[in-house]
Amino acid sequence: MPGGPPLHDTARRVTDTVNKKITCIVGTRPEVIKMAPVILALRELPGVTVEVLGSGQHRDLLAPLMGWFNLAIDRDLRVMSDNQSLGELTARLMQAFEQDFASAAPALVIAQGDTTTVMCAALSCFYRGIAFAHVEAGLRTFDLANPFPEEFNRVAVTRLATLHFCPTERARATVLAEHAKPAGVHLTGNTVIDALQFTTAKLASVPARRFNHDVLLTAHRRENFGAPLVNICHAVLDLCREFPQLTVLYPVHPNPNVRATVDRLLAGHAQITLSEPLVYPDLVAAMQQARLIMTDSGGIQEEAPALSKPVLVLREVTERPEAVELGVARIIGADRAKIVAAATELLRDSTAYARMARGGSPYGDGHAAARIVDAVRAYLNNPGA
């Protein structure tokens, strides 16, 4: 993939903005990746103050990533505690956002995705009468249980947001069908492609970490806790028995619901490398070096096709169907036999592999942040339009 321009260059053509304050929120690692291009572009707007507010959902994972993009968190809400429920997290976030927004008084709050952080930020903005902008708006599975609670979060945010930055035409149509005001709905592409192009270009000029793996595996989503994750692990063990030379790299999420299962079933296997979560440039390098990717991650579903890597989606349904329709991703779920059959086909059948490895990016062209900043500038200059 060709490297894109430096992210901070994308907004240099934007001028004439009145003096305003914008709060950009990050809570998880994917939010940093997808918000970084937006934050860097917004900071090129004259007369605008841009602050980065961290919710602390993935605090330990964020610092290296912020450094990669030359960013820093200005304020950290520190809401996380061990094994807290979604209700407890929601209550902590609502109280923290209420206090922060009252003090900071932003003209606009921007957040990305479908986490509890994003939903609570949007609801807090609604309560305080602050405009909220949603990056990656309009993704849907139309099943509130899959993914849980993310599907509810993004549906709720669409009802609350003023500006909707949609990654695909399908997402835009969904937001409009849910009665968002058309003037606030913008087709931008997905900022993950901006970040990916920035990272691949940077990796081309610095030594990339080398991995020894054929399959890159990530599995961490809440709906895969318990029996589904057990099935995924057993499928990996089946593949290792079927292919004695196969090597698997699994960066393990720190959530104890993930780590306990993975360590119990996969630790110590000669063909499987369990690692701590990879910093973003290392994850991109691992994707580039893999032959096949199996994941329940939303971001990797978007990134891998752009790197011409086949993706087996370890979920029952995806809110990113464009790659499936393009033929570069397949929904497999957490069924042990289906995972083994699909991976075996790709590892043995060169024709089937080539069909999925042809690549393509239905999610963006690397200029999403510039389009978002144009829309933000227009809104700040004329909020009533």
Protein backbone atom coordinates (compact mmCIF):
# COMPACT_ATOMS: atom_id res chain seq x y z
CA MET A 1 0.00 0.00 0.00
CA PRO A 2 1.39 3.46 -0.84
CA GLY A 3 2.12 5.61 2.15
CA GLY A 4 -0.19 8.56 2.69
CA PRO A 5 0.85 12.12 3.48
CA PRO A 6 1.78 13.06 7.03
CA LEU A 7 -1.48 13.14 8.96
CA HIS A 8 -1.05 16.71 10.13
CA ASP A 9 -0.89 17.93 6.51
CA THR A 10 -4.46 16.91 5.76
CA ALA A 11 -6.03 20.05 7.21
CA ARG A 12 -3.67 22.78 6.03
CA ARG A 13 -6.11 23.98 3.41
CA VAL A 14 -8.76 24.61 6.08
CA THR A 15 -8.99 28.22 7.20
CA ASP A 16 -11.44 30.86 8.45
CA THR A 17 -12.61 29.05 11.59
CA VAL A 18 -13.82 31.15 14.49
CA ASN A 19 -12.32 30.62 17.90
CA LYS A 20 -13.78 27.42 19.38
CA LYS A 21 -12.81 24.61 21.73
CA ILE A 22 -13.09 20.97 20.73
CA THR A 23 -12.77 18.02 23.09
CA CYS A 24 -11.64 14.78 21.41
CA ILE A 25 -12.26 11.64 23.46
CA VAL A 26 -10.27 8.42 23.46
CA GLY A 27 -10.79 5.47 25.76
CA THR A 28 -9.61 2.31 24.01
CA ARG A 29 -6.71 1.54 21.72
CA PRO A 30 -8.87 1.38 18.56
CA GLU A 31 -10.26 4.79 19.44
CA VAL A 32 -6.76 6.25 19.53
CA ILE A 33 -5.90 4.73 16.16
CA LYS A 34 -9.03 6.07 14.51
CA MET A 35 -9.08 9.43 16.29
CA ALA A 36 -5.37 10.24 15.81
CA PRO A 37 -5.76 11.41 12.18
CA VAL A 38 -8.71 13.57 13.21
CA ILE A 39 -6.94 15.14 16.20
CA LEU A 40 -3.82 15.93 14.18
CA ALA A 41 -5.87 17.46 11.37
CA LEU A 42 -8.04 19.49 13.75
CA ARG A 43 -4.94 21.00 15.32
CA GLU A 44 -4.15 22.64 11.97
CA LEU A 45 -7.37 24.67 12.19
CA PRO A 46 -6.60 28.29 13.05
CA GLY A 47 -8.40 29.68 16.07
CA VAL A 48 -9.40 26.27 17.43
CA THR A 49 -8.32 24.76 20.74
CA VAL A 50 -8.20 20.95 20.62
CA GLU A 51 -8.01 18.98 23.86
CA VAL A 52 -7.66 15.20 24.21
CA LEU A 53 -9.67 13.64 27.01
CA GLY A 54 -8.95 10.04 28.01
CA SER A 55 -11.56 7.91 29.72
CA GLY A 56 -8.95 5.38 30.83
CA GLN A 57 -10.65 2.23 29.48
CA HIS A 58 -7.35 0.94 28.05
CA ARG A 59 -4.91 3.21 29.89
CA ASP A 60 -1.93 0.84 29.87
CA LEU A 61 -2.27 0.26 26.13
CA LEU A 62 -2.58 3.91 25.10
CA ALA A 63 0.74 5.57 25.95
CA PRO A 64 2.90 3.88 23.26
CA LEU A 65 0.17 4.43 20.69
CA MET A 66 -0.20 8.11 21.50
CA GLY A 67 3.55 8.44 21.16
CA TRP A 68 3.53 6.78 17.73
CA PHE A 69 1.17 9.50 16.49
CA ASN A 70 2.98 12.27 18.41
CA LEU A 71 -0.03 12.91 20.62
CA ALA A 72 -0.64 13.19 24.35
CA ILE A 73 -3.71 12.95 26.57
CA ASP A 74 -4.46 16.28 28.21
CA ARG A 75 -6.82 14.94 30.90
CA ASP A 76 -7.46 11.39 32.13
CA LEU A 77 -10.77 10.51 33.81
CA ARG A 78 -9.33 7.33 35.41
CA VAL A 79 -12.68 5.57 35.62
CA MET A 80 -11.53 1.95 35.44
CA SER A 81 -11.54 -0.49 38.33
CA ASP A 82 -10.97 -4.25 38.39
CA ASN A 83 -13.84 -6.43 37.19
CA GLN A 84 -16.37 -3.63 37.22
CA SER A 85 -19.72 -4.25 35.56
CA LEU A 86 -20.99 -2.31 32.58
CA GLY A 87 -23.40 -0.54 34.91
CA GLU A 88 -20.58 0.53 37.20
CA LEU A 89 -18.46 1.70 34.27
CA THR A 90 -21.39 3.62 32.82
CA ALA A 91 -22.09 5.35 36.12
CA ARG A 92 -18.43 6.34 36.57
CA LEU A 93 -18.19 7.65 33.02
CA MET A 94 -21.39 9.68 33.24
CA GLN A 95 -20.28 11.36 36.44
CA ALA A 96 -16.77 12.03 35.10
CA PHE A 97 -17.96 13.44 31.77
CA GLU A 98 -20.52 15.65 33.55
CA GLN A 99 -17.79 17.21 35.68
CA ASP A 100 -15.28 17.56 32.85
CA PHE A 101 -17.68 19.10 30.34
CA ALA A 102 -18.94 21.55 32.94
CA SER A 103 -15.37 22.71 33.55
CA ALA A 104 -14.01 22.61 29.99
CA ALA A 105 -17.13 23.97 28.25
CA PRO A 106 -16.31 22.68 24.76
CA ALA A 107 -18.24 23.87 21.72
CA LEU A 108 -18.01 20.39 20.21
CA VAL A 109 -17.13 16.92 21.50
CA ILE A 110 -15.86 14.30 19.06
CA ALA A 111 -15.53 10.56 19.68
CA GLN A 112 -15.25 7.42 17.57
CA GLY A 113 -16.92 4.07 17.51
CA ASP A 114 -19.24 2.11 19.75
CA THR A 115 -17.72 1.70 23.20
CA THR A 116 -19.32 2.57 26.52
CA THR A 117 -17.00 5.59 26.57
CA VAL A 118 -18.55 6.92 23.37
CA MET A 119 -22.14 6.26 24.40
CA CYS A 120 -21.67 7.99 27.75
CA ALA A 121 -19.91 10.95 26.15
CA ALA A 122 -22.77 11.42 23.70
CA LEU A 123 -25.39 11.16 26.45
CA SER A 124 -23.51 13.61 28.66
CA CYS A 125 -23.33 16.05 25.76
CA PHE A 126 -27.07 15.66 25.21
CA TYR A 127 -27.78 16.44 28.86
CA ARG A 128 -25.58 19.56 28.75
CA GLY A 129 -26.65 20.82 25.33
CA ILE A 130 -23.20 20.33 23.76
CA ALA A 131 -22.90 19.28 20.13
CA PHE A 132 -21.52 15.77 19.66
CA ALA A 133 -19.77 14.48 16.53
CA HIS A 134 -19.58 10.74 15.89
CA VAL A 135 -16.69 9.31 13.89
CA GLU A 136 -17.54 5.95 12.24
CA ALA A 137 -21.28 6.50 12.39
CA GLY A 138 -23.87 4.15 10.96
CA LEU A 139 -22.38 0.68 11.49
CA ARG A 140 -25.07 -1.86 12.29
CA THR A 141 -25.70 -5.57 12.71
CA PHE A 142 -29.36 -4.92 13.60
CA ASP A 143 -29.00 -7.37 16.49
CA LEU A 144 -28.69 -5.79 19.93
CA ALA A 145 -27.04 -8.94 21.29
CA ASN A 146 -24.26 -9.04 18.65
CA PRO A 147 -22.02 -7.33 19.39
CA PHE A 148 -23.00 -6.62 22.97
CA PRO A 149 -23.19 -3.86 24.14
CA GLU A 150 -21.70 -2.12 21.11
CA GLU A 151 -24.76 -2.38 18.86
CA PHE A 152 -26.91 -0.58 21.41
CA ASN A 153 -24.20 2.02 21.97
CA ARG A 154 -23.95 3.05 18.33
CA VAL A 155 -27.72 3.10 17.82
CA ALA A 156 -28.07 5.37 20.86
CA VAL A 157 -25.24 7.63 19.70
CA THR A 158 -26.89 8.15 16.31
CA ARG A 159 -29.98 9.48 18.10
CA LEU A 160 -27.84 11.87 20.15
CA ALA A 161 -25.22 13.15 17.70
CA THR A 162 -25.27 16.40 15.75
CA LEU A 163 -22.60 15.41 13.22
CA HIS A 164 -22.31 11.92 11.77
CA PHE A 165 -19.11 10.94 9.94
CA CYS A 166 -19.95 7.79 8.01
CA PRO A 167 -17.25 5.45 6.67
CA THR A 168 -19.30 3.93 3.81
CA GLU A 169 -22.34 4.69 1.72
CA ARG A 170 -24.19 1.87 3.50
CA ALA A 171 -23.46 3.49 6.87
CA ARG A 172 -24.62 6.86 5.56
CA ALA A 173 -27.89 5.38 4.32
CA THR A 174 -28.44 3.77 7.72
CA VAL A 175 -27.98 7.04 9.59
CA LEU A 176 -30.35 8.85 7.24
CA ALA A 177 -32.91 6.05 7.59
CA GLU A 178 -32.81 6.60 11.36
CA HIS A 179 -33.94 10.19 10.80
CA ALA A 180 -30.70 12.08 11.40
CA LYS A 181 -30.77 15.58 9.94
CA PRO A 182 -29.26 15.27 6.43
CA ALA A 183 -27.13 18.41 6.83
CA GLY A 184 -25.21 16.72 9.62
CA VAL A 185 -24.57 13.42 7.81
CA HIS A 186 -21.27 13.18 5.93
CA LEU A 187 -19.69 10.37 3.90
CA THR A 188 -16.01 10.52 4.84
CA GLY A 189 -14.44 7.06 4.63
CA ASN A 190 -12.90 5.42 7.67
CA THR A 191 -10.03 7.13 9.46
CA VAL A 192 -8.46 3.71 10.14
CA ILE A 193 -7.18 3.77 6.57
CA ASP A 194 -5.60 7.19 7.19
CA ALA A 195 -3.84 5.76 10.24
CA LEU A 196 -2.84 2.59 8.41
CA GLN A 197 -1.29 4.52 5.51
CA PHE A 198 0.57 6.75 7.94
CA THR A 199 1.90 3.69 9.77
CA THR A 200 2.91 1.63 6.72
CA ALA A 201 4.74 4.65 5.32
CA LYS A 202 6.55 5.16 8.63
CA LEU A 203 7.41 1.45 8.90
CA ALA A 204 8.99 1.62 5.45
CA SER A 205 11.61 4.00 6.85
CA VAL A 206 12.22 2.40 10.28
CA PRO A 207 13.14 -1.20 11.14
CA ALA A 208 9.91 -3.16 11.61
CA ARG A 209 9.69 -5.89 14.22
CA ARG A 210 9.98 -9.37 12.70
CA PHE A 211 7.58 -12.15 13.65
CA ASN A 212 7.62 -15.85 12.81
CA HIS A 213 4.00 -16.78 12.17
CA ASP A 214 1.66 -17.97 9.47
CA VAL A 215 -1.58 -17.09 11.25
CA LEU A 216 -2.31 -13.96 13.24
CA LEU A 217 -5.13 -14.52 15.73
CA THR A 218 -6.94 -11.96 17.85
CA ALA A 219 -10.03 -12.74 19.91
CA HIS A 220 -11.20 -10.59 22.77
CA ARG A 221 -14.78 -9.41 22.28
CA ARG A 222 -17.30 -9.77 25.08
CA GLU A 223 -19.64 -12.00 23.07
CA ASN A 224 -16.78 -14.51 22.70
CA PHE A 225 -16.12 -14.83 26.43
CA GLY A 226 -16.58 -18.32 27.81
CA ALA A 227 -17.52 -21.21 25.52
CA PRO A 228 -16.96 -19.36 22.20
CA LEU A 229 -13.37 -18.52 23.13
CA VAL A 230 -12.83 -22.11 24.27
CA ASN A 231 -14.03 -23.25 20.82
CA ILE A 232 -11.68 -20.81 19.09
CA CYS A 233 -8.73 -22.09 21.11
CA HIS A 234 -9.57 -25.72 20.35
CA ALA A 235 -9.86 -24.86 16.65
CA VAL A 236 -6.34 -23.43 16.77
CA LEU A 237 -5.08 -26.60 18.43
CA ASP A 238 -6.81 -28.68 15.72
CA LEU A 239 -5.09 -26.64 13.02
CA CYS A 240 -1.71 -27.11 14.69
CA ARG A 241 -2.24 -30.87 14.71
CA GLU A 242 -3.33 -30.83 11.06
CA PHE A 243 -0.39 -28.62 10.01
CA PRO A 244 2.66 -29.52 12.12
CA GLN A 245 4.70 -26.67 10.61
CA LEU A 246 2.02 -24.03 11.16
CA THR A 247 2.89 -21.13 13.47
CA VAL A 248 0.33 -18.95 15.20
CA LEU A 249 0.80 -15.56 16.86
CA TYR A 250 -1.86 -14.57 19.38
CA PRO A 251 -1.49 -11.17 21.12
CA VAL A 252 -3.68 -11.74 24.18
CA HIS A 253 -5.96 -9.04 25.51
CA PRO A 254 -5.37 -8.29 29.21
CA ASN A 255 -9.02 -8.82 30.14
CA PRO A 256 -9.01 -11.71 32.64
CA ASN A 257 -11.97 -13.30 30.85
CA VAL A 258 -9.70 -13.68 27.82
CA ARG A 259 -6.32 -14.30 29.41
CA ALA A 260 -7.40 -17.06 31.80
CA THR A 261 -8.97 -19.13 29.02
CA VAL A 262 -6.14 -18.60 26.55
CA ASP A 263 -3.40 -19.36 29.05
CA ARG A 264 -5.15 -22.52 30.20
CA LEU A 265 -5.62 -23.93 26.71
CA LEU A 266 -2.78 -22.56 24.58
CA ALA A 267 0.17 -21.60 26.82
CA GLY A 268 3.33 -23.60 26.21
CA HIS A 269 2.35 -25.00 22.81
CA ALA A 270 5.40 -25.14 20.54
CA GLN A 271 3.53 -23.80 17.49
CA ILE A 272 1.69 -20.99 19.28
CA THR A 273 3.21 -17.74 20.48
CA LEU A 274 1.17 -15.89 23.08
CA SER A 275 2.25 -12.29 23.50
CA GLU A 276 1.17 -9.18 25.27
CA PRO A 277 -0.97 -6.85 23.14
CA LEU A 278 1.17 -5.45 20.35
CA VAL A 279 1.77 -1.76 19.98
CA TYR A 280 0.08 -0.53 16.82
CA PRO A 281 3.13 -0.44 14.51
CA ASP A 282 4.02 -3.97 15.60
CA LEU A 283 0.45 -5.10 14.97
CA VAL A 284 0.55 -3.63 11.48
CA ALA A 285 3.88 -5.37 10.87
CA ALA A 286 2.38 -8.64 12.15
CA MET A 287 -0.55 -8.24 9.76
CA GLN A 288 1.81 -7.55 6.88
CA GLN A 289 3.87 -10.66 7.65
CA ALA A 290 0.94 -13.05 8.24
CA ARG A 291 -0.45 -15.36 5.59
CA LEU A 292 -3.89 -15.50 7.18
CA ILE A 293 -5.70 -13.48 9.86
CA MET A 294 -8.42 -14.76 12.18
CA THR A 295 -10.04 -12.09 14.32
CA ASP A 296 -13.11 -10.76 16.08
CA SER A 297 -11.69 -7.22 15.94
CA GLY A 298 -13.57 -4.57 14.02
CA GLY A 299 -10.49 -2.55 13.10
CA ILE A 300 -8.56 -5.53 11.78
CA GLN A 301 -11.51 -6.40 9.55
CA GLU A 302 -10.93 -3.01 7.94
CA GLU A 303 -7.13 -3.02 7.92
CA ALA A 304 -6.37 -6.55 6.72
CA PRO A 305 -8.13 -6.26 3.32
CA ALA A 306 -6.18 -3.06 2.66
CA LEU A 307 -3.01 -5.12 3.29
CA SER A 308 -4.25 -7.93 0.98
CA LYS A 309 -4.61 -10.42 3.83
CA PRO A 310 -7.56 -12.85 3.96
CA VAL A 311 -9.68 -12.41 7.08
CA LEU A 312 -11.76 -15.04 8.86
CA VAL A 313 -14.17 -13.16 11.12
CA LEU A 314 -14.69 -14.97 14.43
CA ARG A 315 -18.15 -13.54 14.98
CA GLU A 316 -21.69 -14.56 14.04
CA VAL A 317 -22.45 -11.26 12.36
CA THR A 318 -20.46 -8.19 11.34
CA GLU A 319 -21.31 -4.52 11.08
CA ARG A 320 -18.66 -4.30 8.35
CA PRO A 321 -20.22 -6.37 5.54
CA GLU A 322 -18.49 -4.53 2.72
CA ALA A 323 -15.33 -6.66 2.93
CA VAL A 324 -17.43 -9.84 3.03
CA GLU A 325 -19.31 -8.72 -0.08
CA LEU A 326 -16.00 -7.94 -1.76
CA GLY A 327 -14.87 -11.50 -1.03
CA VAL A 328 -11.81 -10.61 1.06
CA ALA A 329 -13.36 -11.54 4.43
CA ARG A 330 -15.56 -14.43 5.59
CA ILE A 331 -17.81 -14.66 8.62
CA ILE A 332 -17.00 -17.91 10.44
CA GLY A 333 -18.19 -17.35 14.00
CA ALA A 334 -16.81 -19.29 16.94
CA ASP A 335 -17.74 -22.76 15.67
CA ARG A 336 -14.73 -25.06 16.03
CA ALA A 337 -15.38 -27.13 12.91
CA LYS A 338 -16.15 -24.11 10.72
CA ILE A 339 -12.95 -22.33 11.79
CA VAL A 340 -10.85 -25.40 11.03
CA ALA A 341 -12.53 -25.99 7.66
CA ALA A 342 -12.19 -22.38 6.49
CA ALA A 343 -8.57 -22.03 7.58
CA THR A 344 -7.65 -25.40 6.09
CA GLU A 345 -9.09 -24.40 2.73
CA LEU A 346 -7.05 -21.21 2.64
CA LEU A 347 -3.87 -22.95 3.78
CA ARG A 348 -4.18 -25.76 1.20
CA ASP A 349 -6.02 -24.27 -1.78
CA SER A 350 -3.91 -21.63 -3.53
CA THR A 351 -6.81 -20.59 -5.77
CA ALA A 352 -9.14 -19.99 -2.82
CA TYR A 353 -6.36 -18.13 -1.06
CA ALA A 354 -5.65 -15.91 -4.07
CA ARG A 355 -9.32 -14.95 -4.35
CA MET A 356 -9.32 -13.61 -0.79
CA ALA A 357 -5.79 -12.17 -0.87
CA ARG A 358 -6.39 -9.89 -3.83
CA GLY A 359 -7.00 -7.03 -1.40
CA GLY A 360 -9.11 -3.94 -1.65
CA SER A 361 -10.30 -1.26 0.72
CA PRO A 362 -14.02 -0.61 0.77
CA TYR A 363 -13.52 1.52 3.89
CA GLY A 364 -11.59 4.54 2.72
CA ASP A 365 -8.88 6.19 0.68
CA GLY A 366 -6.74 7.74 3.40
CA HIS A 367 -8.40 11.17 3.32
CA ALA A 368 -11.22 10.69 5.83
CA ALA A 369 -9.72 13.08 8.40
CA ALA A 370 -9.57 15.92 5.89
CA ARG A 371 -13.27 15.46 5.06
CA ILE A 372 -14.15 15.36 8.76
CA VAL A 373 -12.25 18.55 9.44
CA ASP A 374 -13.99 20.30 6.55
CA ALA A 375 -17.35 19.36 8.05
CA VAL A 376 -16.28 20.45 11.55
CA ARG A 377 -15.04 23.80 10.25
CA ALA A 378 -18.32 24.41 8.43
CA TYR A 379 -20.32 23.52 11.53
CA LEU A 380 -18.33 25.73 13.89
CA ASN A 381 -18.63 28.66 11.52
CA ASN A 382 -22.39 28.18 11.22
CA PRO A 383 -23.78 25.91 13.97
CA GLY A 384 -27.38 26.62 13.05
CA ALA A 385 -27.08 25.56 9.43
